[in-house]
Amino acid sequence: MLYLWLKALHVIAIIAWMAGMLYLPRLFVYHCDAPKGSIQSETFKIMERRLLKAIINPAMIATWLIGLYLVWDGGWYLSGWLHAKVALVVIMSAVHGVYVRRLKEFAADKNTRPAKYYRILNEVPTVLMIGIVILVIVKPF
């Protein structure tokens, strides 16, 4: 029964992580249009920081910790589909790191990237999520 509860918590953490990973770059898109030092820019900085610290970071940590336990407890560590899934989750974590760097640039008023960059970056988690879900549900290998 513990395994099922942890699996439910894992899915909840993933949903929270993905929600943040999809919303943060949208905030960056709008932040690009805000004049540096404006009230609007400062509001975006607060929203971005709170989203990262209160939702995205804790959700990513919970996803990893619970996921690793589920792998161990379920004996999945030799499965090929899991190796592919972990590779995609590592890439998702790297994208998370890119978001952190971009947030720091906005916080210091040093963003030099256009809104189009963030629109494209916003699609990366979606593509990764599709691959991850297919691997987990279908287990093709």
N, C-alpha and C. Protein backbone atom coordinates (compact mmCIF):
# COMPACT_ATOMS: atom_id res chain seq x y z
N MET A 1 0.83 -1.20 0.00
CA MET A 1 0.00 0.00 0.00
C MET A 1 0.87 1.26 0.00
N LEU A 2 2.01 1.22 0.71
CA LEU A 2 2.91 2.37 0.74
C LEU A 2 3.38 2.72 -0.67
N TYR A 3 3.68 1.70 -1.47
CA TYR A 3 4.13 1.93 -2.85
C TYR A 3 3.10 2.74 -3.63
N LEU A 4 1.82 2.39 -3.50
CA LEU A 4 0.77 3.10 -4.23
C LEU A 4 0.62 4.54 -3.76
N TRP A 5 0.72 4.77 -2.46
CA TRP A 5 0.66 6.14 -1.93
C TRP A 5 1.83 6.97 -2.44
N LEU A 6 3.00 6.36 -2.44
CA LEU A 6 4.17 7.08 -2.95
C LEU A 6 4.08 7.34 -4.45
N LYS A 7 3.51 6.39 -5.17
CA LYS A 7 3.31 6.59 -6.60
C LYS A 7 2.35 7.77 -6.83
N ALA A 8 1.29 7.85 -6.04
CA ALA A 8 0.35 8.98 -6.15
C ALA A 8 1.06 10.30 -5.85
N LEU A 9 1.87 10.32 -4.79
CA LEU A 9 2.62 11.54 -4.45
C LEU A 9 3.62 11.90 -5.55
N HIS A 10 4.21 10.88 -6.17
CA HIS A 10 5.14 11.09 -7.27
C HIS A 10 4.42 11.78 -8.45
N VAL A 11 3.25 11.30 -8.79
CA VAL A 11 2.49 11.90 -9.89
C VAL A 11 2.08 13.33 -9.54
N ILE A 12 1.67 13.57 -8.31
CA ILE A 12 1.32 14.92 -7.88
C ILE A 12 2.53 15.85 -8.00
N ALA A 13 3.69 15.38 -7.57
CA ALA A 13 4.92 16.19 -7.66
C ALA A 13 5.26 16.48 -9.12
N ILE A 14 5.10 15.48 -9.98
CA ILE A 14 5.37 15.68 -11.41
C ILE A 14 4.45 16.74 -11.98
N ILE A 15 3.17 16.67 -11.65
CA ILE A 15 2.21 17.65 -12.16
C ILE A 15 2.60 19.06 -11.71
N ALA A 16 2.97 19.21 -10.46
CA ALA A 16 3.37 20.53 -9.95
C ALA A 16 4.65 21.01 -10.64
N TRP A 17 5.61 20.11 -10.81
CA TRP A 17 6.87 20.47 -11.48
C TRP A 17 6.60 20.91 -12.91
N MET A 18 5.81 20.12 -13.62
CA MET A 18 5.51 20.45 -15.02
C MET A 18 4.72 21.74 -15.13
N ALA A 19 3.78 21.97 -14.24
CA ALA A 19 3.01 23.22 -14.28
C ALA A 19 3.96 24.41 -14.18
N GLY A 20 4.89 24.32 -13.25
CA GLY A 20 5.86 25.41 -13.09
C GLY A 20 6.80 25.53 -14.27
N MET A 21 7.22 24.38 -14.80
CA MET A 21 8.15 24.39 -15.95
C MET A 21 7.49 24.95 -17.20
N LEU A 22 6.18 24.86 -17.29
CA LEU A 22 5.46 25.42 -18.42
C LEU A 22 5.09 26.89 -18.20
N TYR A 23 4.89 27.27 -16.95
CA TYR A 23 4.46 28.65 -16.65
C TYR A 23 5.62 29.63 -16.57
N LEU A 24 6.75 29.22 -15.99
CA LEU A 24 7.87 30.15 -15.80
C LEU A 24 8.36 30.78 -17.10
N PRO A 25 8.58 30.01 -18.17
CA PRO A 25 9.03 30.67 -19.40
C PRO A 25 7.97 31.60 -19.99
N ARG A 26 6.69 31.34 -19.72
CA ARG A 26 5.65 32.27 -20.17
C ARG A 26 5.81 33.60 -19.42
N LEU A 27 6.12 33.52 -18.14
CA LEU A 27 6.39 34.76 -17.40
C LEU A 27 7.58 35.49 -18.00
N PHE A 28 8.61 34.72 -18.40
CA PHE A 28 9.79 35.33 -19.02
C PHE A 28 9.40 36.05 -20.31
N VAL A 29 8.51 35.45 -21.10
CA VAL A 29 8.05 36.08 -22.36
C VAL A 29 7.48 37.46 -22.06
N TYR A 30 6.60 37.53 -21.08
CA TYR A 30 5.97 38.82 -20.75
C TYR A 30 6.95 39.76 -20.07
N HIS A 31 7.88 39.20 -19.31
CA HIS A 31 8.88 40.02 -18.62
C HIS A 31 9.77 40.74 -19.63
N CYS A 32 10.02 40.10 -20.77
CA CYS A 32 10.85 40.72 -21.82
C CYS A 32 10.29 42.08 -22.26
N ASP A 33 8.97 42.20 -22.24
CA ASP A 33 8.31 43.43 -22.70
C ASP A 33 8.23 44.51 -21.62
N ALA A 34 8.53 44.15 -20.39
CA ALA A 34 8.45 45.12 -19.29
C ALA A 34 9.73 45.95 -19.23
N PRO A 35 9.61 47.26 -19.17
CA PRO A 35 10.82 48.09 -19.05
C PRO A 35 11.58 47.80 -17.77
N LYS A 36 12.90 47.73 -17.87
CA LYS A 36 13.73 47.46 -16.69
C LYS A 36 13.49 48.53 -15.63
N GLY A 37 13.34 48.06 -14.39
CA GLY A 37 13.12 48.97 -13.28
C GLY A 37 11.67 49.38 -13.08
N SER A 38 10.80 49.00 -13.99
CA SER A 38 9.39 49.37 -13.87
C SER A 38 8.70 48.52 -12.80
N ILE A 39 7.55 48.98 -12.36
CA ILE A 39 6.77 48.22 -11.39
C ILE A 39 6.39 46.86 -11.98
N GLN A 40 6.06 46.86 -13.27
CA GLN A 40 5.71 45.62 -13.94
C GLN A 40 6.88 44.63 -13.91
N SER A 41 8.09 45.11 -14.20
CA SER A 41 9.27 44.25 -14.18
C SER A 41 9.53 43.71 -12.77
N GLU A 42 9.40 44.57 -11.79
CA GLU A 42 9.62 44.14 -10.41
C GLU A 42 8.57 43.12 -9.97
N THR A 43 7.34 43.27 -10.44
CA THR A 43 6.29 42.30 -10.14
C THR A 43 6.61 40.95 -10.76
N PHE A 44 7.08 40.96 -12.02
CA PHE A 44 7.47 39.71 -12.66
C PHE A 44 8.61 39.03 -11.88
N LYS A 45 9.55 39.80 -11.39
CA LYS A 45 10.65 39.22 -10.62
C LYS A 45 10.13 38.48 -9.39
N ILE A 46 9.19 39.08 -8.70
CA ILE A 46 8.61 38.45 -7.51
C ILE A 46 7.86 37.18 -7.89
N MET A 47 7.05 37.27 -8.94
CA MET A 47 6.28 36.10 -9.39
C MET A 47 7.20 34.96 -9.79
N GLU A 48 8.24 35.27 -10.54
CA GLU A 48 9.18 34.25 -11.01
C GLU A 48 9.90 33.59 -9.84
N ARG A 49 10.39 34.42 -8.92
CA ARG A 49 11.12 33.88 -7.77
C ARG A 49 10.23 33.00 -6.91
N ARG A 50 9.02 33.45 -6.64
CA ARG A 50 8.10 32.67 -5.80
C ARG A 50 7.71 31.36 -6.47
N LEU A 51 7.46 31.40 -7.77
CA LEU A 51 7.12 30.19 -8.51
C LEU A 51 8.25 29.18 -8.41
N LEU A 52 9.47 29.64 -8.61
CA LEU A 52 10.63 28.74 -8.55
C LEU A 52 10.82 28.19 -7.15
N LYS A 53 10.85 29.06 -6.16
CA LYS A 53 11.17 28.63 -4.78
C LYS A 53 10.04 27.85 -4.11
N ALA A 54 8.79 28.21 -4.37
CA ALA A 54 7.67 27.60 -3.65
C ALA A 54 7.08 26.39 -4.37
N ILE A 55 7.24 26.32 -5.69
CA ILE A 55 6.60 25.23 -6.42
C ILE A 55 7.60 24.39 -7.21
N ILE A 56 8.33 25.01 -8.12
CA ILE A 56 9.16 24.24 -9.04
C ILE A 56 10.26 23.47 -8.32
N ASN A 57 11.05 24.14 -7.50
CA ASN A 57 12.15 23.45 -6.82
C ASN A 57 11.67 22.33 -5.90
N PRO A 58 10.71 22.59 -5.00
CA PRO A 58 10.25 21.49 -4.14
C PRO A 58 9.63 20.33 -4.93
N ALA A 59 8.91 20.65 -6.00
CA ALA A 59 8.28 19.60 -6.80
C ALA A 59 9.33 18.75 -7.50
N MET A 60 10.39 19.38 -8.00
CA MET A 60 11.45 18.62 -8.66
C MET A 60 12.14 17.70 -7.65
N ILE A 61 12.44 18.22 -6.49
CA ILE A 61 13.10 17.41 -5.45
C ILE A 61 12.22 16.22 -5.06
N ALA A 62 10.93 16.47 -4.83
CA ALA A 62 10.01 15.40 -4.47
C ALA A 62 9.90 14.37 -5.60
N THR A 63 9.84 14.85 -6.84
CA THR A 63 9.77 13.94 -7.98
C THR A 63 10.96 13.00 -8.01
N TRP A 64 12.16 13.56 -7.85
CA TRP A 64 13.37 12.75 -7.88
C TRP A 64 13.44 11.77 -6.71
N LEU A 65 13.22 12.28 -5.49
CA LEU A 65 13.36 11.41 -4.32
C LEU A 65 12.34 10.27 -4.31
N ILE A 66 11.10 10.60 -4.55
CA ILE A 66 10.07 9.55 -4.55
C ILE A 66 10.27 8.61 -5.73
N GLY A 67 10.62 9.18 -6.89
CA GLY A 67 10.86 8.35 -8.07
C GLY A 67 11.98 7.36 -7.87
N LEU A 68 13.07 7.80 -7.27
CA LEU A 68 14.18 6.88 -7.01
C LEU A 68 13.78 5.77 -6.05
N TYR A 69 12.98 6.12 -5.04
CA TYR A 69 12.50 5.08 -4.12
C TYR A 69 11.61 4.08 -4.86
N LEU A 70 10.71 4.57 -5.71
CA LEU A 70 9.83 3.69 -6.46
C LEU A 70 10.61 2.75 -7.37
N VAL A 71 11.66 3.26 -7.99
CA VAL A 71 12.51 2.43 -8.85
C VAL A 71 13.13 1.30 -8.02
N TRP A 72 13.67 1.65 -6.88
CA TRP A 72 14.32 0.66 -6.02
C TRP A 72 13.30 -0.35 -5.48
N ASP A 73 12.21 0.16 -4.92
CA ASP A 73 11.22 -0.71 -4.30
C ASP A 73 10.51 -1.59 -5.33
N GLY A 74 10.30 -1.05 -6.53
CA GLY A 74 9.61 -1.81 -7.56
C GLY A 74 10.52 -2.71 -8.38
N GLY A 75 11.82 -2.60 -8.16
CA GLY A 75 12.76 -3.41 -8.91
C GLY A 75 12.87 -3.05 -10.38
N TRP A 76 12.63 -1.80 -10.70
CA TRP A 76 12.63 -1.35 -12.10
C TRP A 76 14.01 -0.99 -12.63
N TYR A 77 15.03 -0.99 -11.81
CA TYR A 77 16.34 -0.44 -12.18
C TYR A 77 17.03 -1.14 -13.34
N LEU A 78 16.60 -2.33 -13.74
CA LEU A 78 17.20 -3.03 -14.89
C LEU A 78 16.39 -2.84 -16.18
N SER A 79 15.29 -2.13 -16.11
CA SER A 79 14.40 -1.97 -17.26
C SER A 79 14.93 -0.93 -18.24
N GLY A 80 14.94 -1.29 -19.52
CA GLY A 80 15.42 -0.38 -20.55
C GLY A 80 14.60 0.88 -20.67
N TRP A 81 13.28 0.76 -20.56
CA TRP A 81 12.42 1.94 -20.65
C TRP A 81 12.75 2.92 -19.53
N LEU A 82 13.09 2.39 -18.35
CA LEU A 82 13.42 3.27 -17.22
C LEU A 82 14.70 4.04 -17.50
N HIS A 83 15.69 3.40 -18.09
CA HIS A 83 16.95 4.09 -18.40
C HIS A 83 16.68 5.25 -19.35
N ALA A 84 15.83 5.02 -20.35
CA ALA A 84 15.48 6.10 -21.29
C ALA A 84 14.71 7.20 -20.56
N LYS A 85 13.79 6.80 -19.68
CA LYS A 85 13.01 7.79 -18.93
C LYS A 85 13.92 8.64 -18.05
N VAL A 86 14.84 8.00 -17.35
CA VAL A 86 15.76 8.74 -16.48
C VAL A 86 16.59 9.72 -17.30
N ALA A 87 17.01 9.31 -18.49
CA ALA A 87 17.76 10.22 -19.36
C ALA A 87 16.93 11.46 -19.68
N LEU A 88 15.66 11.27 -19.99
CA LEU A 88 14.79 12.41 -20.29
C LEU A 88 14.56 13.27 -19.04
N VAL A 89 14.45 12.64 -17.88
CA VAL A 89 14.26 13.40 -16.64
C VAL A 89 15.53 14.19 -16.29
N VAL A 90 16.68 13.63 -16.60
CA VAL A 90 17.94 14.37 -16.41
C VAL A 90 17.96 15.59 -17.32
N ILE A 91 17.53 15.42 -18.56
CA ILE A 91 17.45 16.57 -19.48
C ILE A 91 16.46 17.59 -18.95
N MET A 92 15.31 17.13 -18.43
CA MET A 92 14.32 18.05 -17.84
C MET A 92 14.94 18.81 -16.68
N SER A 93 15.73 18.13 -15.88
CA SER A 93 16.40 18.79 -14.75
C SER A 93 17.41 19.82 -15.26
N ALA A 94 18.07 19.54 -16.36
CA ALA A 94 19.00 20.50 -16.96
C ALA A 94 18.23 21.73 -17.45
N VAL A 95 17.07 21.52 -18.05
CA VAL A 95 16.23 22.64 -18.48
C VAL A 95 15.83 23.47 -17.26
N HIS A 96 15.51 22.79 -16.18
CA HIS A 96 15.20 23.46 -14.91
C HIS A 96 16.38 24.37 -14.53
N GLY A 97 17.60 23.85 -14.65
CA GLY A 97 18.79 24.65 -14.36
C GLY A 97 18.92 25.85 -15.27
N VAL A 98 18.58 25.69 -16.54
CA VAL A 98 18.60 26.82 -17.47
C VAL A 98 17.60 27.88 -17.02
N TYR A 99 16.42 27.44 -16.59
CA TYR A 99 15.41 28.38 -16.10
C TYR A 99 15.94 29.17 -14.90
N VAL A 100 16.64 28.49 -14.02
CA VAL A 100 17.21 29.16 -12.84
C VAL A 100 18.19 30.25 -13.28
N ARG A 101 19.05 29.92 -14.24
CA ARG A 101 20.00 30.92 -14.75
C ARG A 101 19.30 32.10 -15.38
N ARG A 102 18.27 31.82 -16.16
CA ARG A 102 17.54 32.91 -16.82
C ARG A 102 16.82 33.78 -15.78
N LEU A 103 16.28 33.15 -14.75
CA LEU A 103 15.63 33.91 -13.68
C LEU A 103 16.62 34.85 -13.02
N LYS A 104 17.83 34.38 -12.79
CA LYS A 104 18.86 35.22 -12.17
C LYS A 104 19.23 36.39 -13.08
N GLU A 105 19.23 36.15 -14.39
CA GLU A 105 19.50 37.24 -15.32
C GLU A 105 18.40 38.30 -15.26
N PHE A 106 17.15 37.87 -15.24
CA PHE A 106 16.04 38.82 -15.12
C PHE A 106 16.12 39.56 -13.79
N ALA A 107 16.44 38.85 -12.72
CA ALA A 107 16.51 39.46 -11.39
C ALA A 107 17.57 40.56 -11.34
N ALA A 108 18.64 40.39 -12.12
CA ALA A 108 19.71 41.39 -12.17
C ALA A 108 19.53 42.38 -13.32
N ASP A 109 18.37 42.35 -13.97
CA ASP A 109 18.10 43.20 -15.13
C ASP A 109 19.14 43.02 -16.23
N LYS A 110 19.57 41.78 -16.44
CA LYS A 110 20.61 41.50 -17.44
C LYS A 110 20.13 40.55 -18.54
N ASN A 111 18.82 40.44 -18.70
CA ASN A 111 18.33 39.58 -19.78
C ASN A 111 18.63 40.23 -21.13
N THR A 112 19.20 39.45 -22.05
CA THR A 112 19.48 39.95 -23.39
C THR A 112 18.75 39.15 -24.45
N ARG A 113 17.98 38.17 -24.03
CA ARG A 113 17.30 37.29 -24.98
C ARG A 113 15.90 37.83 -25.31
N PRO A 114 15.48 37.63 -26.57
CA PRO A 114 14.15 38.10 -26.97
C PRO A 114 13.05 37.16 -26.47
N ALA A 115 11.83 37.63 -26.52
CA ALA A 115 10.68 36.83 -26.11
C ALA A 115 10.57 35.54 -26.92
N LYS A 116 10.97 35.58 -28.19
CA LYS A 116 10.89 34.39 -29.05
C LYS A 116 11.74 33.24 -28.47
N TYR A 117 12.89 33.56 -27.91
CA TYR A 117 13.74 32.55 -27.29
C TYR A 117 12.96 31.81 -26.20
N TYR A 118 12.24 32.57 -25.37
CA TYR A 118 11.50 31.96 -24.27
C TYR A 118 10.28 31.21 -24.76
N ARG A 119 9.69 31.64 -25.86
CA ARG A 119 8.58 30.89 -26.45
C ARG A 119 9.06 29.52 -26.93
N ILE A 120 10.22 29.48 -27.54
CA ILE A 120 10.78 28.20 -27.99
C ILE A 120 11.18 27.34 -26.80
N LEU A 121 11.85 27.96 -25.82
CA LEU A 121 12.28 27.24 -24.62
C LEU A 121 11.07 26.64 -23.89
N ASN A 122 9.94 27.29 -23.99
CA ASN A 122 8.71 26.84 -23.33
C ASN A 122 8.23 25.50 -23.88
N GLU A 123 8.62 25.15 -25.09
CA GLU A 123 8.16 23.91 -25.71
C GLU A 123 8.99 22.69 -25.29
N VAL A 124 10.20 22.91 -24.80
CA VAL A 124 11.10 21.80 -24.47
C VAL A 124 10.50 20.88 -23.40
N PRO A 125 9.99 21.41 -22.28
CA PRO A 125 9.40 20.50 -21.28
C PRO A 125 8.22 19.70 -21.82
N THR A 126 7.45 20.28 -22.73
CA THR A 126 6.32 19.56 -23.30
C THR A 126 6.80 18.34 -24.08
N VAL A 127 7.80 18.52 -24.92
CA VAL A 127 8.34 17.41 -25.71
C VAL A 127 8.91 16.34 -24.79
N LEU A 128 9.67 16.76 -23.77
CA LEU A 128 10.23 15.80 -22.83
C LEU A 128 9.14 15.04 -22.08
N MET A 129 8.11 15.77 -21.66
CA MET A 129 7.01 15.15 -20.94
C MET A 129 6.31 14.09 -21.79
N ILE A 130 6.11 14.37 -23.05
CA ILE A 130 5.46 13.40 -23.95
C ILE A 130 6.30 12.12 -24.00
N GLY A 131 7.60 12.26 -24.16
CA GLY A 131 8.47 11.09 -24.19
C GLY A 131 8.44 10.32 -22.89
N ILE A 132 8.48 11.02 -21.78
CA ILE A 132 8.48 10.38 -20.47
C ILE A 132 7.18 9.60 -20.25
N VAL A 133 6.06 10.22 -20.55
CA VAL A 133 4.76 9.56 -20.34
C VAL A 133 4.65 8.31 -21.22
N ILE A 134 5.07 8.41 -22.47
CA ILE A 134 5.02 7.25 -23.35
C ILE A 134 5.88 6.12 -22.80
N LEU A 135 7.08 6.44 -22.34
CA LEU A 135 7.96 5.41 -21.79
C LEU A 135 7.36 4.74 -20.57
N VAL A 136 6.73 5.52 -19.70
CA VAL A 136 6.18 4.96 -18.46
C VAL A 136 4.93 4.13 -18.73
N ILE A 137 4.08 4.59 -19.60
CA ILE A 137 2.81 3.88 -19.84
C ILE A 137 2.99 2.69 -20.78
N VAL A 138 3.70 2.91 -21.90
CA VAL A 138 3.83 1.86 -22.90
C VAL A 138 4.95 0.88 -22.57
N LYS A 139 6.00 1.36 -21.92
CA LYS A 139 7.18 0.54 -21.61
C LYS A 139 7.63 -0.23 -22.87
N PRO A 140 8.03 0.50 -23.92
CA PRO A 140 8.31 -0.14 -25.21
C PRO A 140 9.50 -1.09 -25.23
N PHE A 141 10.36 -1.02 -24.25
CA PHE A 141 11.52 -1.92 -24.21
C PHE A 141 11.99 -2.08 -22.78
